Amino acid sequence: MALISIGRRAVDRLALTLSDRPTDLVLDVSTRCNLNCAMCSLKAYGSGQHMDLDTVAAIGPALDHFRHISLTCSGEPFLNPHIMDILAYVKSHSKATTDMFTNGTLLTANVARDLVRLGLDRIVVSLDAATGETYAAIRGSRLDRTLENVRSLVRAKREMGSARPFLWLGFVAMKRNADELPSVIGLAAELGAAEVRVHGLEPYSEEMASEITYGHGSDTYRHHFEKAVDEAGRLGVGLALPRLEIGPQRRCHPPAHVAWDGTVVPCGETVYARPFYFLKAKREHREVSFGNVREKDFRTIWDSHQYKHFRRSLRRRNFPAACDDCLMSYGVIC
């Protein structure tokens, strides 16, 4: 019996080792933004800095081992004056597919052509409304201008004979905009977007905590999601939806994540400390880090005992205190 137990532990350790190779990387290229969105904590708690090319270069040969690299951020990537140099560096030092998340307001025709020329594989444009009024209330900007910017990307791809970057839309579901999700699917089809990715709201204030569409009362919003599923099927648009219930099962397999200054963190939720609300209860995201690529080799950081223990705890669903009530692990934020 003891030999069987030892054998199972060895198999468990081997499985964890084989599944512990870093395949996905997030580079937090900027913590600044030109908008002040209703649901975002960045202006109140973020650091307002840009990643530079030296920080990306410090990751070194490890870049070539990733299958996917996301040049995403807490803020707006096109505010970073080095963003095209970073994209060019990543594409020349890695075979990984690449993506960016943007609010679309700075996606000018020149930026669009640069993205096509440099070979960005996918771009996700946040579009939380189908009407100008709702969009302005959430993002404080003009929907028509953002849509025209997206169309400039579509034109650039056509003129330059490229299918890439593939276009996705992002949507943060709230009480104030849930009824517009089916119409956003229609916009996606019109723009040629392959998928709409819907996220649940992670509130950072009592006011926004009243805007969640999941948990108690989620049935009120379920029909908007069901209508969106029907519309996506009719128009041939991919659709990823978050959970509407907070269930007992939690899981998390975060990618490698490098903050703007080179700090290696477990995920985007641990980049900077800030409050959040789990249903109606106030919680706190903590800063968690395992080293800095400007001071230590990335693989040394990744293979450190502390970081390994953290990842293995997640895989065994024995969540560390830093992950208490994290909505990502419940599938609310996808």
Protein backbone atom coordinates (compact mmCIF):
# COMPACT_ATOMS: atom_id res chain seq x y z
CA MET A 1 0.00 0.00 0.00
CA ALA A 2 2.87 2.35 0.87
CA LEU A 3 4.55 1.61 -2.48
CA ILE A 4 1.29 2.45 -4.30
CA SER A 5 1.08 5.73 -2.37
CA ILE A 6 4.68 6.63 -3.21
CA GLY A 7 4.05 5.75 -6.85
CA ARG A 8 1.02 7.99 -7.03
CA ARG A 9 2.96 10.89 -5.52
CA ALA A 10 5.73 10.38 -8.10
CA VAL A 11 3.19 10.37 -10.94
CA ASP A 12 1.60 13.50 -9.47
CA ARG A 13 4.96 15.28 -9.31
CA LEU A 14 5.78 14.21 -12.89
CA ALA A 15 2.40 15.45 -14.15
CA LEU A 16 2.90 18.79 -12.43
CA THR A 17 6.41 19.09 -13.88
CA LEU A 18 5.27 18.31 -17.43
CA SER A 19 2.40 20.81 -17.19
CA ASP A 20 4.56 23.49 -15.58
CA ARG A 21 6.43 24.71 -18.63
CA PRO A 22 5.64 28.36 -19.44
CA THR A 23 3.79 28.50 -22.76
CA ASP A 24 1.91 31.81 -22.51
CA LEU A 25 3.30 35.21 -21.54
CA VAL A 26 1.62 38.50 -20.72
CA LEU A 27 3.65 41.69 -21.00
CA ASP A 28 2.00 44.55 -19.10
CA VAL A 29 3.18 47.17 -21.59
CA SER A 30 1.40 50.14 -19.99
CA THR A 31 -0.44 51.11 -16.82
CA ARG A 32 -1.64 54.42 -18.27
CA CYS A 33 -4.90 55.07 -20.05
CA ASN A 34 -6.50 57.94 -21.93
CA LEU A 35 -10.01 57.03 -20.74
CA ASN A 36 -11.67 56.94 -17.34
CA CYS A 37 -14.04 54.00 -17.69
CA ALA A 38 -16.74 53.56 -15.09
CA MET A 39 -15.70 50.02 -14.15
CA CYS A 40 -11.90 50.49 -14.06
CA SER A 41 -9.70 50.93 -10.97
CA LEU A 42 -6.61 52.10 -12.86
CA LYS A 43 -6.94 55.86 -12.33
CA ALA A 44 -7.37 55.40 -8.57
CA TYR A 45 -4.83 52.64 -7.91
CA GLY A 46 -2.57 52.09 -10.96
CA SER A 47 1.00 53.31 -11.24
CA GLY A 48 0.77 55.07 -14.64
CA GLN A 49 3.99 53.77 -16.24
CA HIS A 50 5.17 52.25 -19.54
CA MET A 51 7.29 49.16 -20.17
CA ASP A 52 10.45 49.90 -22.15
CA LEU A 53 12.29 47.80 -24.71
CA ASP A 54 15.16 47.01 -22.31
CA THR A 55 12.72 45.27 -19.99
CA VAL A 56 11.43 43.07 -22.81
CA ALA A 57 14.99 42.33 -23.94
CA ALA A 58 15.86 41.31 -20.36
CA ILE A 59 13.54 38.30 -20.69
CA GLY A 60 16.14 37.10 -23.17
CA PRO A 61 16.12 33.67 -24.84
CA ALA A 62 13.07 32.64 -22.80
CA LEU A 63 10.94 34.62 -25.28
CA ASP A 64 11.52 31.92 -27.89
CA HIS A 65 9.94 29.22 -25.68
CA PHE A 66 6.47 30.77 -25.52
CA ARG A 67 3.65 29.75 -27.85
CA HIS A 68 1.65 32.94 -27.26
CA ILE A 69 2.66 36.42 -26.08
CA SER A 70 0.09 39.05 -25.18
CA LEU A 71 1.14 42.69 -25.30
CA THR A 72 -1.73 43.62 -23.10
CA CYS A 73 -1.86 45.86 -20.10
CA SER A 74 -3.75 47.45 -17.28
CA GLY A 75 -4.02 50.54 -19.47
CA GLU A 76 -3.89 51.45 -23.16
CA PRO A 77 -0.97 49.94 -25.14
CA PHE A 78 -0.88 52.64 -27.82
CA LEU A 79 -0.01 55.26 -25.21
CA ASN A 80 3.35 53.51 -24.85
CA PRO A 81 5.81 55.29 -27.18
CA HIS A 82 7.82 52.06 -27.45
CA ILE A 83 4.91 49.77 -28.36
CA MET A 84 5.84 49.19 -32.00
CA ASP A 85 9.49 48.58 -31.08
CA ILE A 86 8.33 46.06 -28.46
CA LEU A 87 6.07 44.28 -30.95
CA ALA A 88 8.87 44.19 -33.54
CA TYR A 89 11.32 42.81 -30.96
CA VAL A 90 8.92 40.09 -29.82
CA LYS A 91 8.16 39.05 -33.40
CA SER A 92 11.87 38.88 -34.27
CA HIS A 93 12.88 36.95 -31.13
CA SER A 94 9.99 34.52 -30.86
CA LYS A 95 7.80 32.28 -33.00
CA ALA A 96 4.89 32.93 -30.65
CA THR A 97 1.54 34.27 -31.80
CA THR A 98 0.88 37.76 -30.45
CA ASP A 99 -2.11 39.82 -29.43
CA MET A 100 -3.03 43.22 -27.97
CA PHE A 101 -6.01 44.56 -26.05
CA THR A 102 -7.01 48.17 -26.73
CA ASN A 103 -9.89 50.58 -26.18
CA GLY A 104 -9.59 51.45 -29.88
CA THR A 105 -9.52 55.22 -29.46
CA LEU A 106 -5.88 55.51 -30.60
CA LEU A 107 -6.11 52.93 -33.37
CA THR A 108 -5.41 55.39 -36.17
CA ALA A 109 -4.82 54.47 -39.81
CA ASN A 110 -1.03 54.76 -39.32
CA VAL A 111 -1.13 52.55 -36.21
CA ALA A 112 -3.27 50.03 -38.09
CA ARG A 113 -0.77 49.82 -40.96
CA ASP A 114 2.10 49.33 -38.51
CA LEU A 115 0.27 46.47 -36.81
CA VAL A 116 -0.32 44.75 -40.16
CA ARG A 117 3.27 45.35 -41.26
CA LEU A 118 4.75 43.98 -38.03
CA GLY A 119 2.56 40.88 -38.08
CA LEU A 120 0.39 41.23 -34.98
CA ASP A 121 -1.78 38.11 -34.93
CA ARG A 122 -4.84 39.32 -33.02
CA ILE A 123 -6.26 42.54 -31.63
CA VAL A 124 -9.09 42.75 -29.10
CA VAL A 125 -11.02 46.04 -29.07
CA SER A 126 -13.09 46.78 -25.96
CA LEU A 127 -16.60 47.71 -27.04
CA ASP A 128 -19.02 47.69 -24.12
CA ALA A 129 -22.04 49.09 -25.95
CA ALA A 130 -23.82 49.26 -29.28
CA THR A 131 -25.22 52.76 -28.77
CA GLY A 132 -23.34 56.02 -28.46
CA GLU A 133 -25.18 57.01 -25.30
CA THR A 134 -24.30 53.87 -23.34
CA TYR A 135 -20.74 53.84 -24.66
CA ALA A 136 -20.20 57.46 -23.58
CA ALA A 137 -21.65 56.76 -20.13
CA ILE A 138 -19.28 53.83 -19.62
CA ARG A 139 -16.10 54.99 -21.38
CA GLY A 140 -16.50 58.76 -21.65
CA SER A 141 -15.71 58.64 -25.35
CA ARG A 142 -17.46 58.53 -28.73
CA LEU A 143 -18.52 55.21 -30.15
CA ASP A 144 -18.60 56.45 -33.75
CA ARG A 145 -14.93 57.45 -33.60
CA THR A 146 -13.89 54.12 -32.13
CA LEU A 147 -15.83 52.24 -34.80
CA GLU A 148 -14.21 54.33 -37.52
CA ASN A 149 -10.79 53.44 -36.07
CA VAL A 150 -11.67 49.75 -36.20
CA ARG A 151 -12.76 50.18 -39.80
CA SER A 152 -9.38 51.77 -40.56
CA LEU A 153 -7.77 48.53 -39.41
CA VAL A 154 -10.10 46.54 -41.65
CA ARG A 155 -9.13 48.77 -44.59
CA ALA A 156 -5.42 48.48 -43.83
CA LYS A 157 -5.62 44.68 -43.82
CA ARG A 158 -7.47 44.68 -47.13
CA GLU A 159 -5.10 47.17 -48.77
CA MET A 160 -2.01 45.31 -47.53
CA GLY A 161 -3.40 41.89 -48.42
CA SER A 162 -3.33 40.48 -44.90
CA ALA A 163 -5.87 38.56 -42.83
CA ARG A 164 -4.01 39.53 -39.65
CA PRO A 165 -4.43 40.86 -37.08
CA PHE A 166 -7.64 38.93 -36.54
CA LEU A 167 -10.21 41.15 -34.86
CA TRP A 168 -12.04 40.30 -31.64
CA LEU A 169 -14.30 42.51 -29.54
CA GLY A 170 -14.33 42.66 -25.74
CA PHE A 171 -17.43 43.39 -23.66
CA VAL A 172 -17.69 43.90 -19.87
CA ALA A 173 -21.22 42.83 -18.92
CA MET A 174 -23.05 45.15 -16.51
CA LYS A 175 -26.68 45.86 -15.69
CA ARG A 176 -26.45 49.08 -17.68
CA ASN A 177 -25.32 47.43 -20.92
CA ALA A 178 -26.36 43.75 -20.85
CA ASP A 179 -29.32 44.40 -23.13
CA GLU A 180 -26.97 45.76 -25.81
CA LEU A 181 -24.85 42.60 -26.04
CA PRO A 182 -26.91 41.08 -28.90
CA SER A 183 -26.46 44.30 -30.87
CA VAL A 184 -22.70 44.21 -30.22
CA ILE A 185 -22.73 40.76 -31.86
CA GLY A 186 -24.28 42.47 -34.88
CA LEU A 187 -21.52 45.09 -34.87
CA ALA A 188 -18.94 42.32 -34.68
CA ALA A 189 -20.38 40.71 -37.81
CA GLU A 190 -20.43 44.06 -39.61
CA LEU A 191 -16.78 44.76 -38.71
CA GLY A 192 -15.61 41.24 -39.54
CA ALA A 193 -14.71 40.37 -35.94
CA ALA A 194 -14.20 36.65 -35.40
CA GLU A 195 -15.30 36.59 -31.76
CA VAL A 196 -16.87 38.60 -28.97
CA ARG A 197 -15.38 37.84 -25.55
CA VAL A 198 -17.63 38.79 -22.65
CA HIS A 199 -16.28 39.36 -19.15
CA GLY A 200 -18.12 39.64 -15.89
CA LEU A 201 -17.62 42.86 -13.94
CA GLU A 202 -15.11 42.95 -11.10
CA PRO A 203 -16.31 45.97 -9.07
CA TYR A 204 -13.92 48.30 -7.27
CA SER A 205 -16.57 50.41 -5.51
CA GLU A 206 -19.93 49.92 -3.79
CA GLU A 207 -21.60 51.75 -6.65
CA MET A 208 -20.20 49.35 -9.26
CA ALA A 209 -20.94 46.35 -7.04
CA SER A 210 -24.61 47.00 -7.75
CA GLU A 211 -23.91 46.57 -11.51
CA ILE A 212 -23.00 42.86 -11.53
CA THR A 213 -25.05 40.50 -13.70
CA TYR A 214 -23.94 37.26 -11.98
CA GLY A 215 -24.78 35.70 -8.63
CA HIS A 216 -28.17 36.32 -7.01
CA GLY A 217 -30.59 37.71 -9.58
CA SER A 218 -28.58 36.53 -12.59
CA ASP A 219 -31.73 35.10 -14.19
CA THR A 220 -32.75 38.69 -14.91
CA TYR A 221 -29.85 38.95 -17.38
CA ARG A 222 -29.72 35.38 -18.64
CA HIS A 223 -32.10 36.10 -21.50
CA HIS A 224 -29.75 38.79 -22.85
CA PHE A 225 -26.97 36.19 -22.95
CA GLU A 226 -29.26 33.62 -24.56
CA LYS A 227 -30.30 36.14 -27.20
CA ALA A 228 -26.61 36.91 -27.83
CA VAL A 229 -25.92 33.18 -28.30
CA ASP A 230 -28.72 32.97 -30.87
CA GLU A 231 -27.46 36.08 -32.67
CA ALA A 232 -23.88 34.80 -32.71
CA GLY A 233 -25.04 31.50 -34.18
CA ARG A 234 -27.11 33.26 -36.82
CA LEU A 235 -24.28 35.59 -37.87
CA GLY A 236 -21.40 33.14 -37.51
CA VAL A 237 -19.59 35.12 -34.80
CA GLY A 238 -17.71 33.33 -32.02
CA LEU A 239 -18.91 34.12 -28.50
CA ALA A 240 -17.25 33.46 -25.13
CA LEU A 241 -19.47 34.05 -22.10
CA PRO A 242 -18.64 34.18 -18.39
CA ARG A 243 -20.48 32.22 -15.75
CA LEU A 244 -23.60 33.73 -14.25
CA GLU A 245 -23.41 31.65 -11.06
CA ILE A 246 -20.74 31.60 -8.38
CA GLY A 247 -20.24 27.86 -7.97
CA PRO A 248 -18.09 25.82 -5.59
CA GLN A 249 -15.60 24.73 -8.25
CA ARG A 250 -12.61 27.00 -8.82
CA ARG A 251 -9.71 26.64 -11.22
CA CYS A 252 -6.87 28.82 -12.43
CA HIS A 253 -3.91 28.27 -14.76
CA PRO A 254 -2.45 31.75 -15.21
CA PRO A 255 0.23 32.48 -17.83
CA ALA A 256 3.61 33.96 -17.01
CA HIS A 257 3.05 37.67 -16.37
CA VAL A 258 5.69 40.42 -16.43
CA ALA A 259 4.66 43.82 -15.08
CA TRP A 260 5.73 47.11 -16.71
CA ASP A 261 8.94 47.34 -14.64
CA GLY A 262 10.03 43.72 -15.17
CA THR A 263 8.49 42.29 -12.00
CA VAL A 264 7.24 38.73 -12.49
CA VAL A 265 3.78 38.37 -10.95
CA PRO A 266 1.26 35.48 -10.89
CA CYS A 267 -1.41 37.29 -12.91
CA GLY A 268 -2.94 40.67 -13.73
CA GLU A 269 -4.93 40.67 -10.49
CA THR A 270 -1.71 40.91 -8.44
CA VAL A 271 0.08 43.70 -10.34
CA TYR A 272 -1.11 46.43 -7.98
CA ALA A 273 -3.01 46.43 -4.67
CA ARG A 274 -6.63 47.53 -4.84
CA PRO A 275 -10.03 46.75 -3.37
CA PHE A 276 -12.69 44.73 -5.12
CA TYR A 277 -16.12 43.45 -4.22
CA PHE A 278 -16.98 39.76 -4.19
CA LEU A 279 -20.73 39.99 -4.58
CA LYS A 280 -21.48 42.51 -1.80
CA ALA A 281 -18.39 41.87 0.35
CA LYS A 282 -15.33 44.10 0.11
CA ARG A 283 -12.06 42.27 -0.54
CA GLU A 284 -8.49 43.28 -1.40
CA HIS A 285 -6.20 42.29 -4.26
CA ARG A 286 -2.64 42.06 -2.95
CA GLU A 287 0.62 42.67 -4.75
CA VAL A 288 2.48 39.38 -5.23
CA SER A 289 5.83 39.04 -7.00
CA PHE A 290 8.60 36.48 -7.47
CA GLY A 291 11.51 38.51 -8.85
CA ASN A 292 12.46 40.92 -11.61
CA VAL A 293 13.78 40.01 -15.07
CA ARG A 294 16.09 43.03 -15.00
CA GLU A 295 17.84 41.53 -11.99
CA LYS A 296 17.52 37.78 -12.46
CA ASP A 297 17.10 35.33 -15.35
CA PHE A 298 13.45 34.63 -16.18
CA ARG A 299 13.82 30.84 -16.00
CA THR A 300 15.52 31.15 -12.62
CA ILE A 301 12.52 33.11 -11.38
CA TRP A 302 10.03 30.69 -12.96
CA ASP A 303 11.77 27.66 -11.43
CA SER A 304 12.18 29.21 -7.98
CA HIS A 305 10.69 27.20 -5.11
CA GLN A 306 8.32 30.01 -4.17
CA TYR A 307 6.86 30.40 -7.67
CA LYS A 308 6.65 26.63 -8.23
CA HIS A 309 4.81 26.18 -4.95
CA PHE A 310 2.34 28.91 -5.90
CA ARG A 311 1.56 27.34 -9.29
CA ARG A 312 1.27 23.82 -7.90
CA SER A 313 -1.13 25.04 -5.24
CA LEU A 314 -3.35 26.47 -7.99
CA ARG A 315 -3.25 23.24 -9.99
CA ARG A 316 -4.31 21.30 -6.89
CA ARG A 317 -7.03 23.91 -6.27
CA ASN A 318 -5.48 24.73 -2.93
CA PHE A 319 -5.72 28.48 -3.47
CA PRO A 320 -3.23 30.75 -1.66
CA ALA A 321 -4.53 33.60 0.49
CA ALA A 322 -3.67 36.09 -2.27
CA CYS A 323 -6.35 34.40 -4.41
CA ASP A 324 -9.18 34.66 -1.86
CA ASP A 325 -12.49 35.17 -3.69
CA CYS A 326 -10.75 36.00 -6.99
CA LEU A 327 -13.53 36.18 -9.57
CA MET A 328 -11.23 34.91 -12.31
CA SER A 329 -10.99 31.51 -10.60
CA TYR A 330 -14.80 31.27 -10.58
CA GLY A 331 -15.00 31.80 -14.35
CA VAL A 332 -16.74 35.18 -13.99
CA ILE A 333 -13.82 36.91 -15.71
CA CYS A 334 -12.81 34.87 -18.74
